[in-house]
Amino acid sequence: MDIFSKIAAGEIPSYKCAENEEFYAFLDINPLVKGHTLVIPRREVDYFFDMDDDELARYQAFAKRVAKAIKAAFPCKKVAQVVLGLEVPHAHIHLIPLQTEQDADFRREKLKLTPEEFQEIAAKIFAEFSK
């Protein structure tokens, strides 16, 4: 079981933003901006494009709901969707609130947030997602 599967299963703590039976969204622990969220399928699949069309459509629909919750919780111009990352062999989408395109520059220094700040951010997104 990979680290993201363990997070979705609750074996490793995370800052949950949204979930359903197929997908799980949680805060990136090295965020570019407040509200930077990862969305994963609960099923272990390494490559985004290895998902069948129906599952991929449901994944995108779930990510869309999370993005709307992020935008409501953290007003921004848009929420970027970035499919990137080789370090974890589990498909994942980065959702990043944008004021400028530089907000999605992964070479930038990451934010340093306290556990309380992470909890507050996740709670805001979760509340919006649950409406």
C-alpha atoms as a PDB file:
ATOM      1  CA  MET A   1       0.000   0.000   0.000  1.00  0.00           C
ATOM      2  CA  ASP A   2       1.463   3.389  -1.008  1.00  0.00           C
ATOM      3  CA  ILE A   3       1.507   6.497   1.180  1.00  0.00           C
ATOM      4  CA  PHE A   4      -1.555   8.084  -0.465  1.00  0.00           C
ATOM      5  CA  SER A   5      -3.583   4.892   0.004  1.00  0.00           C
ATOM      6  CA  LYS A   6      -2.584   4.888   3.669  1.00  0.00           C
ATOM      7  CA  ILE A   7      -3.673   8.533   3.956  1.00  0.00           C
ATOM      8  CA  ALA A   8      -7.050   7.818   2.339  1.00  0.00           C
ATOM      9  CA  ALA A   9      -7.511   4.806   4.639  1.00  0.00           C
ATOM     10  CA  GLY A  10      -6.798   6.935   7.713  1.00  0.00           C
ATOM     11  CA  GLU A  11      -3.608   5.022   8.576  1.00  0.00           C
ATOM     12  CA  ILE A  12      -1.563   8.213   8.167  1.00  0.00           C
ATOM     13  CA  PRO A  13      -3.023  11.509   9.429  1.00  0.00           C
ATOM     14  CA  SER A  14      -4.028  14.155   6.903  1.00  0.00           C
ATOM     15  CA  TYR A  15      -5.967  17.375   6.697  1.00  0.00           C
ATOM     16  CA  LYS A  16      -9.116  16.110   4.984  1.00  0.00           C
ATOM     17  CA  CYS A  17     -10.948  18.529   2.706  1.00  0.00           C
ATOM     18  CA  ALA A  18     -13.455  16.203   1.017  1.00  0.00           C
ATOM     19  CA  GLU A  19     -14.192  12.554   0.377  1.00  0.00           C
ATOM     20  CA  ASN A  20     -16.593  10.040  -1.050  1.00  0.00           C
ATOM     21  CA  GLU A  21     -16.401   6.282  -1.532  1.00  0.00           C
ATOM     22  CA  GLU A  22     -14.057   6.590  -4.546  1.00  0.00           C
ATOM     23  CA  PHE A  23     -11.959   9.707  -3.978  1.00  0.00           C
ATOM     24  CA  TYR A  24     -10.228  11.618  -1.205  1.00  0.00           C
ATOM     25  CA  ALA A  25      -8.994  15.228  -1.018  1.00  0.00           C
ATOM     26  CA  PHE A  26      -6.503  16.525   1.538  1.00  0.00           C
ATOM     27  CA  LEU A  27      -4.163  19.467   1.986  1.00  0.00           C
ATOM     28  CA  ASP A  28      -0.700  19.286   0.478  1.00  0.00           C
ATOM     29  CA  ILE A  29       1.726  19.385   3.428  1.00  0.00           C
ATOM     30  CA  ASN A  30       4.133  21.489   1.335  1.00  0.00           C
ATOM     31  CA  PRO A  31       1.653  24.013  -0.063  1.00  0.00           C
ATOM     32  CA  LEU A  32       2.391  26.667  -2.630  1.00  0.00           C
ATOM     33  CA  VAL A  33      -0.501  28.785  -1.303  1.00  0.00           C
ATOM     34  CA  LYS A  34      -3.208  28.403   1.318  1.00  0.00           C
ATOM     35  CA  GLY A  35      -5.787  25.939   0.048  1.00  0.00           C
ATOM     36  CA  HIS A  36      -3.360  23.836  -2.069  1.00  0.00           C
ATOM     37  CA  THR A  37      -5.136  20.471  -2.092  1.00  0.00           C
ATOM     38  CA  LEU A  38      -4.404  17.005  -3.456  1.00  0.00           C
ATOM     39  CA  VAL A  39      -7.193  14.856  -4.889  1.00  0.00           C
ATOM     40  CA  ILE A  40      -6.612  11.112  -5.212  1.00  0.00           C
ATOM     41  CA  PRO A  41      -8.549   8.020  -6.159  1.00  0.00           C
ATOM     42  CA  ARG A  42      -8.870   5.617  -3.241  1.00  0.00           C
ATOM     43  CA  ARG A  43      -8.003   2.826  -5.658  1.00  0.00           C
ATOM     44  CA  GLU A  44      -4.263   2.500  -6.225  1.00  0.00           C
ATOM     45  CA  VAL A  45      -3.483   3.567  -9.755  1.00  0.00           C
ATOM     46  CA  ASP A  46      -0.081   4.999 -10.624  1.00  0.00           C
ATOM     47  CA  TYR A  47      -0.825   6.930 -13.792  1.00  0.00           C
ATOM     48  CA  PHE A  48      -3.726   9.312 -14.302  1.00  0.00           C
ATOM     49  CA  PHE A  49      -4.315   8.077 -17.852  1.00  0.00           C
ATOM     50  CA  ASP A  50      -4.432   4.408 -16.793  1.00  0.00           C
ATOM     51  CA  MET A  51      -7.880   5.079 -15.337  1.00  0.00           C
ATOM     52  CA  ASP A  52     -10.799   3.982 -17.505  1.00  0.00           C
ATOM     53  CA  ASP A  53     -12.925   6.734 -19.032  1.00  0.00           C
ATOM     54  CA  ASP A  54     -15.856   6.425 -16.603  1.00  0.00           C
ATOM     55  CA  GLU A  55     -13.615   6.471 -13.526  1.00  0.00           C
ATOM     56  CA  LEU A  56     -11.644   9.409 -14.932  1.00  0.00           C
ATOM     57  CA  ALA A  57     -14.889  11.312 -15.551  1.00  0.00           C
ATOM     58  CA  ARG A  58     -16.020  10.706 -11.954  1.00  0.00           C
ATOM     59  CA  TYR A  59     -12.563  11.730 -10.707  1.00  0.00           C
ATOM     60  CA  GLN A  60     -12.751  15.011 -12.626  1.00  0.00           C
ATOM     61  CA  ALA A  61     -16.307  15.666 -11.401  1.00  0.00           C
ATOM     62  CA  PHE A  62     -15.159  15.128  -7.799  1.00  0.00           C
ATOM     63  CA  ALA A  63     -12.120  17.385  -8.331  1.00  0.00           C
ATOM     64  CA  LYS A  64     -14.431  20.039  -9.795  1.00  0.00           C
ATOM     65  CA  ARG A  65     -16.572  20.008  -6.623  1.00  0.00           C
ATOM     66  CA  VAL A  66     -13.424  20.314  -4.500  1.00  0.00           C
ATOM     67  CA  ALA A  67     -12.153  23.190  -6.683  1.00  0.00           C
ATOM     68  CA  LYS A  68     -15.455  25.040  -6.219  1.00  0.00           C
ATOM     69  CA  ALA A  69     -15.177  24.531  -2.455  1.00  0.00           C
ATOM     70  CA  ILE A  70     -11.602  25.855  -2.489  1.00  0.00           C
ATOM     71  CA  LYS A  71     -12.654  28.933  -4.490  1.00  0.00           C
ATOM     72  CA  ALA A  72     -15.498  29.625  -2.056  1.00  0.00           C
ATOM     73  CA  ALA A  73     -13.241  29.170   0.982  1.00  0.00           C
ATOM     74  CA  PHE A  74     -10.297  31.108  -0.481  1.00  0.00           C
ATOM     75  CA  PRO A  75     -11.547  33.647  -3.023  1.00  0.00           C
ATOM     76  CA  CYS A  76      -9.225  33.611  -6.013  1.00  0.00           C
ATOM     77  CA  LYS A  77      -9.309  34.258  -9.751  1.00  0.00           C
ATOM     78  CA  LYS A  78      -9.223  30.539 -10.635  1.00  0.00           C
ATOM     79  CA  VAL A  79      -8.246  27.192  -9.184  1.00  0.00           C
ATOM     80  CA  ALA A  80      -5.489  25.540 -11.184  1.00  0.00           C
ATOM     81  CA  GLN A  81      -5.540  21.813 -11.812  1.00  0.00           C
ATOM     82  CA  VAL A  82      -2.070  20.330 -12.159  1.00  0.00           C
ATOM     83  CA  VAL A  83      -1.373  16.662 -12.791  1.00  0.00           C
ATOM     84  CA  LEU A  84       2.269  16.351 -11.860  1.00  0.00           C
ATOM     85  CA  GLY A  85       4.498  14.276  -9.685  1.00  0.00           C
ATOM     86  CA  LEU A  86       6.687  11.224 -10.003  1.00  0.00           C
ATOM     87  CA  GLU A  87       7.640  10.882  -6.342  1.00  0.00           C
ATOM     88  CA  VAL A  88       4.434   9.080  -5.267  1.00  0.00           C
ATOM     89  CA  PRO A  89       3.254   6.205  -7.492  1.00  0.00           C
ATOM     90  CA  HIS A  90      -0.408   7.129  -7.086  1.00  0.00           C
ATOM     91  CA  ALA A  91      -2.450   9.321  -9.427  1.00  0.00           C
ATOM     92  CA  HIS A  92      -3.079  12.741  -7.911  1.00  0.00           C
ATOM     93  CA  ILE A  93      -4.371  16.139  -8.910  1.00  0.00           C
ATOM     94  CA  HIS A  94      -3.039  19.346  -7.358  1.00  0.00           C
ATOM     95  CA  LEU A  95      -5.741  22.007  -6.960  1.00  0.00           C
ATOM     96  CA  ILE A  96      -4.142  25.405  -6.363  1.00  0.00           C
ATOM     97  CA  PRO A  97      -5.970  28.692  -5.748  1.00  0.00           C
ATOM     98  CA  LEU A  98      -4.564  31.285  -8.156  1.00  0.00           C
ATOM     99  CA  GLN A  99      -4.272  35.021  -7.987  1.00  0.00           C
ATOM    100  CA  THR A 100      -1.421  34.895 -10.547  1.00  0.00           C
ATOM    101  CA  GLU A 101       0.150  32.080 -12.551  1.00  0.00           C
ATOM    102  CA  GLN A 102       3.187  32.250 -10.274  1.00  0.00           C
ATOM    103  CA  ASP A 103       1.006  30.732  -7.529  1.00  0.00           C
ATOM    104  CA  ALA A 104       1.350  27.397  -9.375  1.00  0.00           C
ATOM    105  CA  ASP A 105       5.145  27.551  -9.755  1.00  0.00           C
ATOM    106  CA  PHE A 106       6.428  24.426  -7.996  1.00  0.00           C
ATOM    107  CA  ARG A 107       9.952  25.904  -7.827  1.00  0.00           C
ATOM    108  CA  ARG A 108       8.729  28.543  -5.369  1.00  0.00           C
ATOM    109  CA  GLU A 109       9.419  28.297  -1.671  1.00  0.00           C
ATOM    110  CA  LYS A 110       6.633  26.385   0.043  1.00  0.00           C
ATOM    111  CA  LEU A 111       4.541  27.879   2.818  1.00  0.00           C
ATOM    112  CA  LYS A 112       5.346  26.975   6.400  1.00  0.00           C
ATOM    113  CA  LEU A 113       2.055  26.518   8.228  1.00  0.00           C
ATOM    114  CA  THR A 114       1.265  25.407  11.748  1.00  0.00           C
ATOM    115  CA  PRO A 115      -0.963  22.381  12.419  1.00  0.00           C
ATOM    116  CA  GLU A 116      -3.650  24.823  13.565  1.00  0.00           C
ATOM    117  CA  GLU A 117      -3.447  26.730  10.273  1.00  0.00           C
ATOM    118  CA  PHE A 118      -3.713  23.479   8.289  1.00  0.00           C
ATOM    119  CA  GLN A 119      -6.741  22.438  10.369  1.00  0.00           C
ATOM    120  CA  GLU A 120      -8.430  25.797   9.809  1.00  0.00           C
ATOM    121  CA  ILE A 121      -7.824  25.688   6.052  1.00  0.00           C
ATOM    122  CA  ALA A 122      -9.075  22.103   5.720  1.00  0.00           C
ATOM    123  CA  ALA A 123     -12.159  22.889   7.815  1.00  0.00           C
ATOM    124  CA  LYS A 124     -13.051  25.840   5.560  1.00  0.00           C
ATOM    125  CA  ILE A 125     -12.786  23.722   2.403  1.00  0.00           C
ATOM    126  CA  PHE A 126     -14.653  20.796   4.002  1.00  0.00           C
ATOM    127  CA  ALA A 127     -17.478  23.126   5.089  1.00  0.00           C
ATOM    128  CA  GLU A 128     -17.851  24.516   1.566  1.00  0.00           C
ATOM    129  CA  PHE A 129     -17.675  21.038   0.019  1.00  0.00           C
ATOM    130  CA  SER A 130     -20.377  19.795   2.390  1.00  0.00           C
ATOM    131  CA  LYS A 131     -22.906  22.498   1.412  1.00  0.00           C
END
